[in-house]
Amino acid sequence: MNERRFSINMCKHRIPAIAVLLAVVLLIGCTKQQPHEHDLSQMKSSNGAKAVKPVILIMVDSLLSSSIDRGIQQNILPTFRYLADHGQYYKEFVSSFPTMSVTIDSTLLTGTYPDKHRVPGLVWYSANDKTLINYGTGTKDVMQRGINPFLQQTFFQLNDTHLSKQITTIYEDLAAEGRQSGSINGIIYRGSAEHTLTFPSWLHGTTSLPAEQKVKGPDFFTLGAFSNPLAGVIDLKVNMTQQFGINNQYAADVASYLIKNNHVPDLLCVYMPDLDAELHEDGPSHMDTLKDVDQQLNQIMQSYGSRDEALRQAVFILVGDSGVTPVRRAGEQAVIELPDILMNYEILTPGDTATDQTEVALASNEDMAYVYNLNAKYSMRDIADDLRADNRIDIVAWKENGWIYVMKGGTQKEMQYRPNGDVHDTYNQSWTVQNDVDVLDLQWDRARHTVQYGDYPDALQRLSAALHSHQGDFLVVTSKYGYELADKNSRSHTGGGAHGSLHRWDSLVPVLICGTERAPKTERMVDMKSYFLELTGAAGPASER
């Protein structure tokens, strides 16, 4: 077993459960599970000509346009070069916020920000449960709060409970129109078709997980070895050293099989998580895994016979989810220890339930954190003033009396804003803004009543959405370039890379679109769902709806 691989993958945010789980239960032993999925028998063959081409959406975790450009220049990424030369290449698509995969994926697949889809981040505090929700930040966290809450939150509650039922996923929308969809290893997967997650005896016998669990997903659904409809059909990498199938090669092999056997649904989402772990370990300069991604993309396209034929038969969309910024090395005060800044408060211990005496809860999402004010002893401004006193803090924000207050760390600068008003932004969203808008690097044209975004793309809407993403009184805090926020059990990435913040370095991602001349109406992740539906024929152009 490669111990370094497991230690790296504990910080992955697409299926973070798997690597942590292995570290906790590895000594128990393992038996081969028998899958109970029959997706292929449910899938309609696509031998006949389709009215519209299927859409193959490939999300590469932490894909960076700077790395793509560097690799193309060095002639080490031939598939990326082909895609860039034969389609639309956007280098600055605006992601969701916080820039963490569970929130971003929820935005991409629902077409909403977290104020609507209700998945606030990788870590957040539930006012109903009076405890922290954590989909997996590392072994230390799991050991502190117990493996059962972690497994339940990640495998079941995320899709069944936390992801709002007031909005629909693209899988549900397509099913409602009689179209088919598929997800290969996506952590956000809610759909209309019933599937069975199957857990081995060494896992369900020692934890709260059942042997089997019914879930709702798209027509074709894989979650590594836990939902593997191709088990026994092809030899897939699903053992412990390959993170139980939650890996790029598994995803590429499954996609290739579907293509070769004419089983590609109207929309197929393929998730590739491997790059994220390496960038967390080595920082954004890492290139080796991106070369592997290039080969895996080529494998998928060649399954059509050639790359040219692939673009004749399908629309390929390649999407990154967040940027990655370098974190300073150990000894350079890279990690902002929030418990130290707030040492005078009674802070909730991860794994515990808040009591009347608990004053503050901390939910660190790398370059971003939620700080919860759990009783009325202190005002929001009291806590904000303590936080902004640290020069490594970038912004501190909270909502109060209908306004959103935003402070600049290490300064006395402050602004306020609220939705609706006579000021319009790039996306025709209206606002009322006042005081020092430099805090969010806004270019405010008072004569024309417009604002332009600078270092914080779509900042007013994305920050507002995060502050309205779940119940409670809380602040949003982000770190400056090179620093990372931490609570008691956070895994730091000193000398490596991190993301999560509102700044452009974490928020702008590449998108490559090939096989269609249609262009998205904006360069925002939140608007892509309507574009995907349009491409599948499930909805007309946005201008006609």
Protein backbone atom coordinates (compact mmCIF):
# COMPACT_ATOMS: atom_id res chain seq x y z
CA MET A 1 0.00 0.00 0.00
CA ASN A 2 1.24 3.48 -0.85
CA GLU A 3 0.99 5.36 2.44
CA ARG A 4 1.82 8.69 0.80
CA ARG A 5 -1.12 8.29 -1.57
CA PHE A 6 -3.52 7.81 1.30
CA SER A 7 -2.20 10.76 3.25
CA ILE A 8 -2.56 12.99 0.22
CA ASN A 9 -6.03 11.84 -0.70
CA MET A 10 -7.39 12.59 2.73
CA CYS A 11 -7.66 16.23 1.64
CA LYS A 12 -9.63 15.54 -1.51
CA HIS A 13 -13.03 17.15 -1.58
CA ARG A 14 -14.73 14.98 -4.20
CA ILE A 15 -15.60 11.84 -2.23
CA PRO A 16 -13.31 12.86 0.68
CA ALA A 17 -14.83 10.03 2.71
CA ILE A 18 -12.98 7.25 0.98
CA ALA A 19 -9.38 7.94 1.90
CA VAL A 20 -10.21 8.91 5.47
CA LEU A 21 -12.33 5.82 5.83
CA LEU A 22 -9.47 3.59 4.76
CA ALA A 23 -7.12 5.08 7.31
CA VAL A 24 -9.63 4.39 10.09
CA VAL A 25 -10.81 0.88 9.22
CA LEU A 26 -7.99 -0.58 7.14
CA LEU A 27 -6.91 -3.04 9.83
CA ILE A 28 -10.33 -4.65 10.01
CA GLY A 29 -9.86 -6.46 6.71
CA CYS A 30 -11.79 -6.57 3.48
CA THR A 31 -14.10 -8.90 1.62
CA LYS A 32 -15.30 -8.57 -1.94
CA GLN A 33 -18.77 -7.11 -2.25
CA GLN A 34 -21.40 -8.20 -4.73
CA PRO A 35 -22.90 -5.28 -6.66
CA HIS A 36 -26.65 -4.96 -7.01
CA GLU A 37 -26.75 -2.39 -9.80
CA HIS A 38 -28.28 -3.19 -13.18
CA ASP A 39 -27.94 0.18 -14.92
CA LEU A 40 -26.94 -1.25 -18.29
CA SER A 41 -30.18 -3.19 -18.59
CA GLN A 42 -32.07 0.03 -17.86
CA MET A 43 -30.14 2.13 -20.35
CA LYS A 44 -31.53 2.48 -23.85
CA SER A 45 -29.03 1.71 -26.59
CA SER A 46 -27.94 4.71 -28.60
CA ASN A 47 -27.25 2.80 -31.80
CA GLY A 48 -29.71 4.90 -33.71
CA ALA A 49 -29.06 8.49 -34.70
CA LYS A 50 -30.06 10.99 -32.01
CA ALA A 51 -31.81 14.26 -32.70
CA VAL A 52 -29.11 16.00 -30.70
CA LYS A 53 -25.64 14.89 -29.75
CA PRO A 54 -25.09 13.58 -26.23
CA VAL A 55 -23.21 15.88 -23.87
CA ILE A 56 -20.19 14.46 -22.06
CA LEU A 57 -19.37 16.77 -19.16
CA ILE A 58 -15.96 16.10 -17.61
CA MET A 59 -15.16 17.91 -14.37
CA VAL A 60 -11.49 17.85 -13.45
CA ASP A 61 -11.06 18.80 -9.80
CA SER A 62 -8.80 21.86 -9.40
CA LEU A 63 -8.01 22.17 -13.11
CA LEU A 64 -6.15 25.45 -13.74
CA SER A 65 -6.03 27.42 -16.99
CA SER A 66 -2.45 28.46 -16.16
CA SER A 67 -1.43 24.79 -16.06
CA ILE A 68 -3.25 24.04 -19.32
CA ASP A 69 -1.51 26.95 -21.04
CA ARG A 70 1.88 25.97 -19.66
CA GLY A 71 1.44 22.36 -20.71
CA ILE A 72 0.34 23.32 -24.22
CA GLN A 73 3.32 25.64 -24.56
CA GLN A 74 5.64 22.83 -23.45
CA ASN A 75 3.99 20.38 -25.88
CA ILE A 76 3.12 17.92 -23.11
CA LEU A 77 -0.69 18.17 -23.30
CA PRO A 78 -1.69 17.14 -26.85
CA THR A 79 -5.35 16.42 -25.99
CA PHE A 80 -5.81 19.76 -24.26
CA ARG A 81 -4.19 21.43 -27.29
CA TYR A 82 -6.64 19.63 -29.57
CA LEU A 83 -9.62 20.72 -27.49
CA ALA A 84 -8.41 24.32 -27.32
CA ASP A 85 -7.85 24.39 -31.10
CA HIS A 86 -11.19 22.79 -31.96
CA GLY A 87 -13.61 24.55 -29.68
CA GLN A 88 -14.28 27.34 -27.22
CA TYR A 89 -11.68 27.89 -24.50
CA TYR A 90 -12.72 30.09 -21.58
CA LYS A 91 -10.03 30.81 -19.01
CA GLU A 92 -11.99 32.82 -16.44
CA PHE A 93 -15.31 31.17 -15.68
CA VAL A 94 -16.63 32.27 -12.28
CA SER A 95 -17.08 29.42 -9.82
CA SER A 96 -19.41 29.25 -6.82
CA PHE A 97 -18.47 30.30 -3.26
CA PRO A 98 -17.07 28.98 -1.05
CA THR A 99 -14.80 27.49 -3.68
CA MET A 100 -15.10 23.94 -2.32
CA SER A 101 -16.19 21.02 -4.49
CA VAL A 102 -19.44 20.05 -2.75
CA THR A 103 -20.74 23.61 -3.04
CA ILE A 104 -19.47 24.06 -6.60
CA ASP A 105 -20.89 20.74 -7.82
CA SER A 106 -24.24 21.61 -6.25
CA THR A 107 -24.21 24.94 -8.09
CA LEU A 108 -23.25 23.35 -11.41
CA LEU A 109 -25.96 20.67 -11.24
CA THR A 110 -28.80 22.81 -9.83
CA GLY A 111 -28.09 26.15 -11.50
CA THR A 112 -28.28 27.92 -8.15
CA TYR A 113 -25.93 29.39 -5.56
CA PRO A 114 -25.91 27.98 -2.00
CA ASP A 115 -28.66 30.32 -0.81
CA LYS A 116 -30.93 28.08 -2.90
CA HIS A 117 -29.24 24.65 -3.01
CA ARG A 118 -28.32 24.82 0.72
CA VAL A 119 -24.92 23.09 0.62
CA PRO A 120 -22.83 25.81 2.31
CA GLY A 121 -19.38 24.21 2.13
CA LEU A 122 -17.27 21.20 3.01
CA VAL A 123 -17.68 22.12 6.69
CA TRP A 124 -20.55 24.05 8.29
CA TYR A 125 -22.61 24.22 11.47
CA SER A 126 -26.18 22.92 11.58
CA ALA A 127 -28.40 25.03 13.82
CA ASN A 128 -30.95 22.22 13.90
CA ASP A 129 -28.49 19.54 14.99
CA LYS A 130 -26.36 21.94 17.05
CA THR A 131 -23.21 20.32 15.71
CA LEU A 132 -20.74 20.66 12.85
CA ILE A 133 -21.37 19.00 9.50
CA ASN A 134 -18.15 17.83 7.87
CA TYR A 135 -18.02 15.80 4.67
CA GLY A 136 -14.39 14.87 5.31
CA THR A 137 -11.33 17.04 5.97
CA GLY A 138 -8.93 14.39 7.28
CA THR A 139 -8.27 11.62 9.75
CA LYS A 140 -7.89 13.96 12.71
CA ASP A 141 -11.39 15.28 12.20
CA VAL A 142 -12.91 11.80 11.87
CA MET A 143 -11.15 10.54 14.97
CA GLN A 144 -12.36 13.58 16.94
CA ARG A 145 -16.04 13.42 16.08
CA GLY A 146 -16.42 9.72 15.26
CA ILE A 147 -16.66 7.81 12.03
CA ASN A 148 -20.45 7.27 12.06
CA PRO A 149 -21.53 10.93 11.75
CA PHE A 150 -18.97 11.39 9.00
CA LEU A 151 -20.20 8.37 7.01
CA GLN A 152 -23.86 9.29 7.39
CA GLN A 153 -23.29 12.92 6.38
CA THR A 154 -21.17 12.07 3.35
CA PHE A 155 -22.91 9.03 1.93
CA PHE A 156 -26.56 9.85 2.67
CA GLN A 157 -27.42 13.21 4.21
CA LEU A 158 -25.56 15.32 1.65
CA ASN A 159 -27.83 14.30 -1.24
CA ASP A 160 -30.95 13.19 0.62
CA THR A 161 -31.22 15.89 3.29
CA HIS A 162 -28.78 18.77 2.90
CA LEU A 163 -29.20 19.38 -0.84
CA SER A 164 -32.46 21.29 -0.95
CA LYS A 165 -35.52 19.51 -2.31
CA GLN A 166 -36.94 22.92 -3.22
CA ILE A 167 -34.73 22.93 -6.31
CA THR A 168 -34.08 20.25 -8.92
CA THR A 169 -30.85 18.78 -10.21
CA ILE A 170 -30.19 18.47 -13.91
CA TYR A 171 -30.64 14.70 -13.55
CA GLU A 172 -34.17 15.23 -12.23
CA ASP A 173 -34.95 17.76 -14.97
CA LEU A 174 -33.83 15.40 -17.73
CA ALA A 175 -35.81 12.50 -16.27
CA ALA A 176 -38.93 14.67 -16.19
CA GLU A 177 -38.57 15.18 -19.95
CA GLY A 178 -37.94 11.52 -20.70
CA ARG A 179 -34.23 11.91 -21.27
CA GLN A 180 -31.41 9.89 -19.78
CA SER A 181 -28.42 10.96 -17.73
CA GLY A 182 -25.44 9.39 -16.03
CA SER A 183 -22.94 10.20 -13.30
CA ILE A 184 -19.56 8.57 -12.90
CA ASN A 185 -18.31 9.08 -9.33
CA GLY A 186 -20.00 12.41 -8.68
CA ILE A 187 -20.58 13.18 -5.00
CA ILE A 188 -23.66 15.27 -5.91
CA TYR A 189 -25.81 12.77 -7.74
CA ARG A 190 -29.49 13.14 -6.78
CA GLY A 191 -31.80 12.04 -9.55
CA SER A 192 -35.03 10.11 -10.17
CA ALA A 193 -33.81 6.54 -10.69
CA GLU A 194 -33.41 4.14 -7.77
CA HIS A 195 -29.98 2.64 -7.09
CA THR A 196 -28.36 0.59 -4.35
CA LEU A 197 -25.17 1.52 -2.55
CA THR A 198 -23.53 -1.71 -1.35
CA PHE A 199 -21.08 -1.74 1.55
CA PRO A 200 -18.73 -4.63 2.41
CA SER A 201 -19.22 -6.56 5.63
CA TRP A 202 -16.04 -5.22 7.19
CA LEU A 203 -17.56 -1.74 6.88
CA HIS A 204 -21.25 -2.14 7.68
CA GLY A 205 -20.41 -4.61 10.45
CA THR A 206 -18.26 -2.10 12.32
CA THR A 207 -20.04 1.19 11.61
CA SER A 208 -23.56 2.57 11.35
CA LEU A 209 -23.65 1.94 7.59
CA PRO A 210 -26.13 -0.69 6.41
CA ALA A 211 -25.16 -3.51 4.08
CA GLU A 212 -27.23 -1.80 1.41
CA GLN A 213 -28.85 1.60 1.03
CA LYS A 214 -31.31 2.74 -1.60
CA VAL A 215 -30.53 6.14 -3.13
CA LYS A 216 -31.90 8.21 -5.99
CA GLY A 217 -29.57 9.11 -8.85
CA PRO A 218 -29.40 9.45 -12.63
CA ASP A 219 -30.16 6.50 -14.91
CA PHE A 220 -26.55 5.34 -14.98
CA PHE A 221 -24.75 5.78 -11.67
CA THR A 222 -21.37 4.77 -10.31
CA LEU A 223 -19.79 5.61 -6.99
CA GLY A 224 -16.66 3.52 -7.25
CA ALA A 225 -16.97 0.09 -5.68
CA PHE A 226 -20.05 1.17 -3.71
CA SER A 227 -22.16 1.42 -6.84
CA ASN A 228 -20.38 -0.33 -9.68
CA PRO A 229 -22.76 -1.54 -12.41
CA LEU A 230 -19.83 -2.74 -14.54
CA ALA A 231 -18.45 -5.13 -11.93
CA GLY A 232 -17.83 -8.42 -13.71
CA VAL A 233 -18.25 -6.74 -17.10
CA ILE A 234 -14.86 -5.04 -17.32
CA ASP A 235 -11.85 -5.01 -14.98
CA LEU A 236 -12.04 -1.66 -13.20
CA LYS A 237 -9.59 -0.27 -10.65
CA VAL A 238 -11.75 -0.44 -7.52
CA ASN A 239 -9.50 -1.88 -4.82
CA MET A 240 -8.07 -0.16 -1.76
CA THR A 241 -4.94 1.14 -3.48
CA GLN A 242 -7.14 2.88 -6.06
CA GLN A 243 -9.44 4.52 -3.47
CA PHE A 244 -12.19 1.95 -4.14
CA GLY A 245 -12.63 3.23 -7.67
CA ILE A 246 -12.86 6.92 -6.83
CA ASN A 247 -10.09 7.76 -9.30
CA ASN A 248 -9.54 9.16 -12.75
CA GLN A 249 -8.73 5.88 -14.48
CA TYR A 250 -11.90 4.20 -13.26
CA ALA A 251 -13.90 7.16 -14.56
CA ALA A 252 -12.14 7.07 -17.94
CA ASP A 253 -12.62 3.30 -18.26
CA VAL A 254 -16.34 3.49 -17.48
CA ALA A 255 -16.88 6.37 -19.92
CA SER A 256 -14.94 4.51 -22.61
CA TYR A 257 -17.04 1.39 -22.12
CA LEU A 258 -20.30 3.32 -22.44
CA ILE A 259 -19.09 4.96 -25.65
CA LYS A 260 -17.86 1.74 -27.27
CA ASN A 261 -21.09 -0.08 -26.41
CA ASN A 262 -23.45 2.72 -27.49
CA HIS A 263 -24.76 3.39 -23.98
CA VAL A 264 -23.96 7.09 -23.68
CA PRO A 265 -26.99 8.89 -22.17
CA ASP A 266 -28.13 12.36 -23.20
CA LEU A 267 -25.90 13.81 -20.47
CA LEU A 268 -22.96 11.95 -18.95
CA CYS A 269 -21.08 13.60 -16.08
CA VAL A 270 -17.58 12.23 -15.52
CA TYR A 271 -15.70 13.25 -12.37
CA MET A 272 -11.91 13.15 -12.19
CA PRO A 273 -10.60 13.83 -8.65
CA ASP A 274 -6.90 12.91 -8.79
CA LEU A 275 -5.40 16.29 -9.69
CA ASP A 276 -6.81 18.02 -6.62
CA ALA A 277 -4.87 15.85 -4.17
CA GLU A 278 -1.56 16.48 -5.90
CA LEU A 279 -2.08 20.23 -6.06
CA HIS A 280 -2.87 20.29 -2.35
CA GLU A 281 0.38 18.47 -1.70
CA ASP A 282 2.69 20.21 -4.20
CA GLY A 283 0.96 23.48 -5.00
CA PRO A 284 -0.35 24.84 -8.32
CA SER A 285 2.94 24.20 -10.15
CA HIS A 286 2.28 20.43 -10.19
CA MET A 287 2.03 19.08 -13.75
CA ASP A 288 2.56 15.28 -13.70
CA THR A 289 -1.03 14.37 -12.88
CA LEU A 290 -2.30 16.81 -15.50
CA LYS A 291 -0.36 14.83 -18.10
CA ASP A 292 -2.20 11.74 -16.90
CA VAL A 293 -5.50 13.61 -17.26
CA ASP A 294 -4.53 14.48 -20.84
CA GLN A 295 -4.04 10.79 -21.63
CA GLN A 296 -7.31 9.82 -19.95
CA LEU A 297 -9.19 12.45 -21.96
CA ASN A 298 -7.60 11.07 -25.10
CA GLN A 299 -8.69 7.55 -24.11
CA ILE A 300 -12.30 8.69 -23.76
CA MET A 301 -12.30 10.52 -27.10
CA GLN A 302 -10.51 7.71 -28.97
CA SER A 303 -13.32 5.38 -27.88
CA TYR A 304 -15.26 6.95 -30.75
CA GLY A 305 -12.50 5.88 -33.14
CA SER A 306 -10.70 9.22 -33.27
CA ARG A 307 -10.84 12.63 -31.66
CA ASP A 308 -12.41 14.11 -34.79
CA GLU A 309 -15.12 11.45 -34.74
CA ALA A 310 -15.71 12.11 -31.04
CA LEU A 311 -16.59 15.73 -31.78
CA ARG A 312 -18.87 14.68 -34.64
CA GLN A 313 -20.84 12.37 -32.38
CA ALA A 314 -20.83 14.18 -29.02
CA VAL A 315 -20.41 17.51 -27.31
CA PHE A 316 -17.47 17.51 -24.92
CA ILE A 317 -17.36 20.03 -22.07
CA LEU A 318 -14.33 20.10 -19.79
CA VAL A 319 -14.74 22.09 -16.56
CA GLY A 320 -12.49 22.98 -13.64
CA ASP A 321 -14.17 23.65 -10.32
CA SER A 322 -11.88 25.98 -8.36
CA GLY A 323 -8.52 27.64 -8.50
CA VAL A 324 -5.63 26.66 -6.23
CA THR A 325 -3.29 29.13 -4.57
CA PRO A 326 0.08 28.35 -3.00
CA VAL A 327 0.27 28.19 0.78
CA ARG A 328 3.41 29.46 2.48
CA ARG A 329 5.79 26.97 4.00
CA ALA A 330 5.79 25.92 7.64
CA GLY A 331 7.49 28.54 9.80
CA GLU A 332 6.13 31.43 7.73
CA GLN A 333 2.90 31.82 9.75
CA ALA A 334 1.01 30.28 6.85
CA VAL A 335 -1.80 28.87 8.97
CA ILE A 336 -4.24 31.29 10.62
CA GLU A 337 -5.30 29.46 13.78
CA LEU A 338 -8.81 30.75 14.39
CA PRO A 339 -9.00 29.27 17.94
CA ASP A 340 -5.97 31.40 18.86
CA ILE A 341 -7.57 34.59 17.53
CA LEU A 342 -10.79 33.79 19.36
CA MET A 343 -9.22 32.35 22.49
CA ASN A 344 -11.44 34.45 24.77
CA TYR A 345 -14.58 32.76 23.48
CA GLU A 346 -16.08 29.41 24.47
CA ILE A 347 -15.55 27.47 21.22
CA LEU A 348 -17.46 24.35 20.18
CA THR A 349 -15.26 21.25 20.07
CA PRO A 350 -15.73 19.30 16.79
CA GLY A 351 -17.88 16.25 17.47
CA ASP A 352 -19.63 17.84 20.45
CA THR A 353 -23.12 19.32 20.60
CA ALA A 354 -23.44 23.03 21.34
CA THR A 355 -24.85 24.01 24.72
CA ASP A 356 -26.14 27.29 26.12
CA GLN A 357 -22.58 28.05 27.23
CA THR A 358 -21.08 27.61 23.73
CA GLU A 359 -20.33 31.02 22.26
CA VAL A 360 -18.63 30.31 18.94
CA ALA A 361 -18.38 27.48 16.40
CA LEU A 362 -15.71 27.32 13.70
CA ALA A 363 -16.03 25.70 10.28
CA SER A 364 -12.82 26.02 8.29
CA ASN A 365 -12.92 25.52 4.52
CA GLU A 366 -9.20 26.11 3.80
CA ASP A 367 -9.01 29.70 2.49
CA MET A 368 -12.48 30.43 3.86
CA ALA A 369 -14.26 29.83 7.17
CA TYR A 370 -17.66 30.24 8.75
CA VAL A 371 -17.55 31.66 12.28
CA TYR A 372 -20.82 31.18 14.19
CA ASN A 373 -22.10 33.44 16.95
CA LEU A 374 -24.14 30.98 19.02
CA ASN A 375 -25.48 33.23 21.75
CA ALA A 376 -26.23 36.89 22.34
CA LYS A 377 -23.31 37.59 24.66
CA TYR A 378 -21.27 39.16 21.86
CA SER A 379 -22.35 41.17 18.83
CA MET A 380 -21.38 40.20 15.29
CA ARG A 381 -19.19 43.30 15.14
CA ASP A 382 -17.37 42.27 18.32
CA ILE A 383 -16.29 39.01 16.69
CA ALA A 384 -15.57 40.73 13.36
CA ASP A 385 -13.26 43.25 15.02
CA ASP A 386 -11.26 40.45 16.64
CA LEU A 387 -10.90 38.67 13.31
CA ARG A 388 -9.94 41.63 11.14
CA ALA A 389 -7.16 42.63 13.52
CA ASP A 390 -5.04 39.83 12.00
CA ASN A 391 -3.19 41.15 8.92
CA ARG A 392 -3.41 37.74 7.24
CA ILE A 393 -7.21 37.99 7.06
CA ASP A 394 -8.55 39.26 3.74
CA ILE A 395 -12.25 39.95 4.32
CA VAL A 396 -14.75 39.53 7.15
CA ALA A 397 -18.48 39.71 6.34
CA TRP A 398 -21.82 39.15 8.05
CA LYS A 399 -25.49 40.00 7.55
CA GLU A 400 -27.48 42.15 9.97
CA ASN A 401 -30.79 44.04 9.70
CA GLY A 402 -31.07 43.44 5.96
CA TRP A 403 -27.55 44.68 5.20
CA ILE A 404 -24.33 42.82 4.49
CA TYR A 405 -21.28 44.29 6.22
CA VAL A 406 -17.83 43.68 4.76
CA MET A 407 -14.52 44.58 6.44
CA LYS A 408 -11.00 44.47 5.03
CA GLY A 409 -8.60 42.57 7.25
CA GLY A 410 -5.76 44.54 8.85
CA THR A 411 -7.46 47.88 8.05
CA GLN A 412 -10.38 50.06 9.12
CA LYS A 413 -12.00 49.86 5.68
CA GLU A 414 -15.63 48.78 5.60
CA MET A 415 -18.56 48.73 3.19
CA GLN A 416 -22.21 47.75 3.32
CA TYR A 417 -24.58 46.51 0.64
CA ARG A 418 -27.93 44.82 0.14
CA PRO A 419 -29.86 43.38 -2.81
CA ASN A 420 -32.13 45.61 -4.90
CA GLY A 421 -31.38 49.23 -5.62
CA ASP A 422 -30.32 51.49 -8.46
CA VAL A 423 -26.81 50.05 -8.95
CA HIS A 424 -26.46 47.26 -11.53
CA ASP A 425 -23.53 44.89 -12.00
CA THR A 426 -22.15 42.92 -14.96
CA TYR A 427 -24.88 40.28 -14.62
CA ASN A 428 -27.74 42.83 -14.41
CA GLN A 429 -28.18 42.17 -10.69
CA SER A 430 -29.27 45.25 -8.74
CA TRP A 431 -27.79 46.44 -5.45
CA THR A 432 -27.60 49.23 -2.95
CA VAL A 433 -23.96 49.88 -1.98
CA GLN A 434 -22.36 52.37 0.34
CA ASN A 435 -19.06 53.43 1.91
CA ASP A 436 -15.66 52.01 0.88
CA VAL A 437 -16.37 49.65 -2.03
CA ASP A 438 -12.61 49.14 -2.44
CA VAL A 439 -13.03 46.44 0.20
CA LEU A 440 -14.36 44.20 -2.58
CA ASP A 441 -12.40 45.92 -5.36
CA LEU A 442 -15.57 47.29 -6.97
CA GLN A 443 -15.38 49.92 -9.69
CA TRP A 444 -18.42 52.07 -8.92
CA ASP A 445 -19.59 54.43 -11.64
CA ARG A 446 -21.95 56.66 -9.71
CA ALA A 447 -23.08 58.56 -12.78
CA ARG A 448 -24.12 55.42 -14.66
CA HIS A 449 -25.21 53.52 -11.55
CA THR A 450 -23.02 50.50 -12.36
CA VAL A 451 -20.37 48.45 -10.63
CA GLN A 452 -17.66 46.36 -12.27
CA TYR A 453 -15.95 43.49 -10.49
CA GLY A 454 -12.19 43.32 -10.04
CA ASP A 455 -10.36 40.82 -7.83
CA TYR A 456 -13.60 39.33 -6.46
CA PRO A 457 -15.73 38.05 -9.38
CA ASP A 458 -19.51 38.32 -8.91
CA ALA A 459 -18.63 39.18 -5.31
CA LEU A 460 -21.91 40.79 -4.26
CA GLN A 461 -24.06 37.84 -5.29
CA ARG A 462 -21.67 35.04 -4.28
CA LEU A 463 -20.97 36.51 -0.85
CA SER A 464 -24.65 37.19 -0.25
CA ALA A 465 -25.50 33.61 -1.26
CA ALA A 466 -22.99 32.17 1.21
CA LEU A 467 -24.35 34.36 4.00
CA HIS A 468 -27.88 33.14 3.25
CA SER A 469 -26.95 29.49 2.64
CA HIS A 470 -28.12 28.11 6.00
CA GLN A 471 -29.67 29.11 9.30
CA GLY A 472 -27.86 30.97 12.04
CA ASP A 473 -25.86 34.07 12.87
CA PHE A 474 -22.42 33.70 11.36
CA LEU A 475 -19.56 35.50 9.68
CA VAL A 476 -17.68 34.65 6.50
CA VAL A 477 -13.91 34.99 6.75
CA THR A 478 -11.31 34.58 4.00
CA SER A 479 -7.52 34.57 4.06
CA LYS A 480 -5.05 36.57 2.02
CA TYR A 481 -2.85 35.05 -0.68
CA GLY A 482 -0.44 32.48 0.75
CA TYR A 483 -2.37 31.87 3.98
CA GLU A 484 -4.91 29.31 5.11
CA LEU A 485 -7.57 29.29 7.85
CA ALA A 486 -7.71 26.49 10.40
CA ASP A 487 -9.70 25.30 13.38
CA LYS A 488 -8.71 22.63 15.89
CA ASN A 489 -8.84 19.65 13.52
CA SER A 490 -8.09 21.20 10.14
CA ARG A 491 -5.51 19.61 7.90
CA SER A 492 -3.14 22.35 6.73
CA HIS A 493 -1.48 22.48 3.32
CA THR A 494 1.72 24.37 4.16
CA GLY A 495 4.09 24.35 1.20
CA GLY A 496 1.27 23.08 -1.03
CA GLY A 497 -1.97 24.56 -2.28
CA ALA A 498 -5.47 25.44 -1.03
CA HIS A 499 -8.71 27.07 -2.17
CA GLY A 500 -12.02 28.25 -0.78
CA SER A 501 -11.82 32.05 -0.94
CA LEU A 502 -13.80 34.69 -2.84
CA HIS A 503 -10.72 36.06 -4.61
CA ARG A 504 -10.14 35.53 -8.32
CA TRP A 505 -7.20 33.21 -7.68
CA ASP A 506 -9.59 30.66 -6.15
CA SER A 507 -12.68 31.61 -8.16
CA LEU A 508 -11.75 31.62 -11.85
CA VAL A 509 -11.65 28.28 -13.65
CA PRO A 510 -11.19 27.01 -17.21
CA VAL A 511 -13.99 25.66 -19.41
CA LEU A 512 -13.43 24.02 -22.81
CA ILE A 513 -16.43 23.32 -25.06
CA CYS A 514 -16.08 21.26 -28.24
CA GLY A 515 -18.54 19.72 -30.67
CA THR A 516 -20.99 22.63 -30.71
CA GLU A 517 -21.05 26.23 -31.88
CA ARG A 518 -23.47 27.23 -29.16
CA ALA A 519 -21.90 29.36 -26.47
CA PRO A 520 -22.99 29.80 -22.84
CA LYS A 521 -24.84 33.04 -22.15
CA THR A 522 -22.45 34.05 -19.34
CA GLU A 523 -19.12 32.91 -17.96
CA ARG A 524 -20.54 31.83 -14.62
CA MET A 525 -20.84 28.29 -13.29
CA VAL A 526 -24.29 29.06 -11.89
CA ASP A 527 -25.67 29.62 -15.41
CA MET A 528 -24.33 26.39 -16.93
CA LYS A 529 -27.25 24.13 -16.04
CA SER A 530 -29.56 25.94 -18.46
CA TYR A 531 -26.85 25.67 -21.11
CA PHE A 532 -26.53 21.90 -20.59
CA LEU A 533 -30.30 21.50 -20.87
CA GLU A 534 -30.31 23.52 -24.08
CA LEU A 535 -27.60 21.33 -25.57
CA THR A 536 -29.50 18.13 -24.74
CA GLY A 537 -32.66 19.50 -26.32
CA ALA A 538 -34.47 19.47 -22.99
CA ALA A 539 -34.92 23.23 -23.06
CA GLY A 540 -34.83 25.96 -25.65
CA PRO A 541 -32.31 28.81 -25.74
CA ALA A 542 -32.38 30.92 -22.60
CA SER A 543 -33.56 33.95 -24.57
CA GLU A 544 -36.68 32.02 -25.64
CA ARG A 545 -37.66 30.69 -22.22
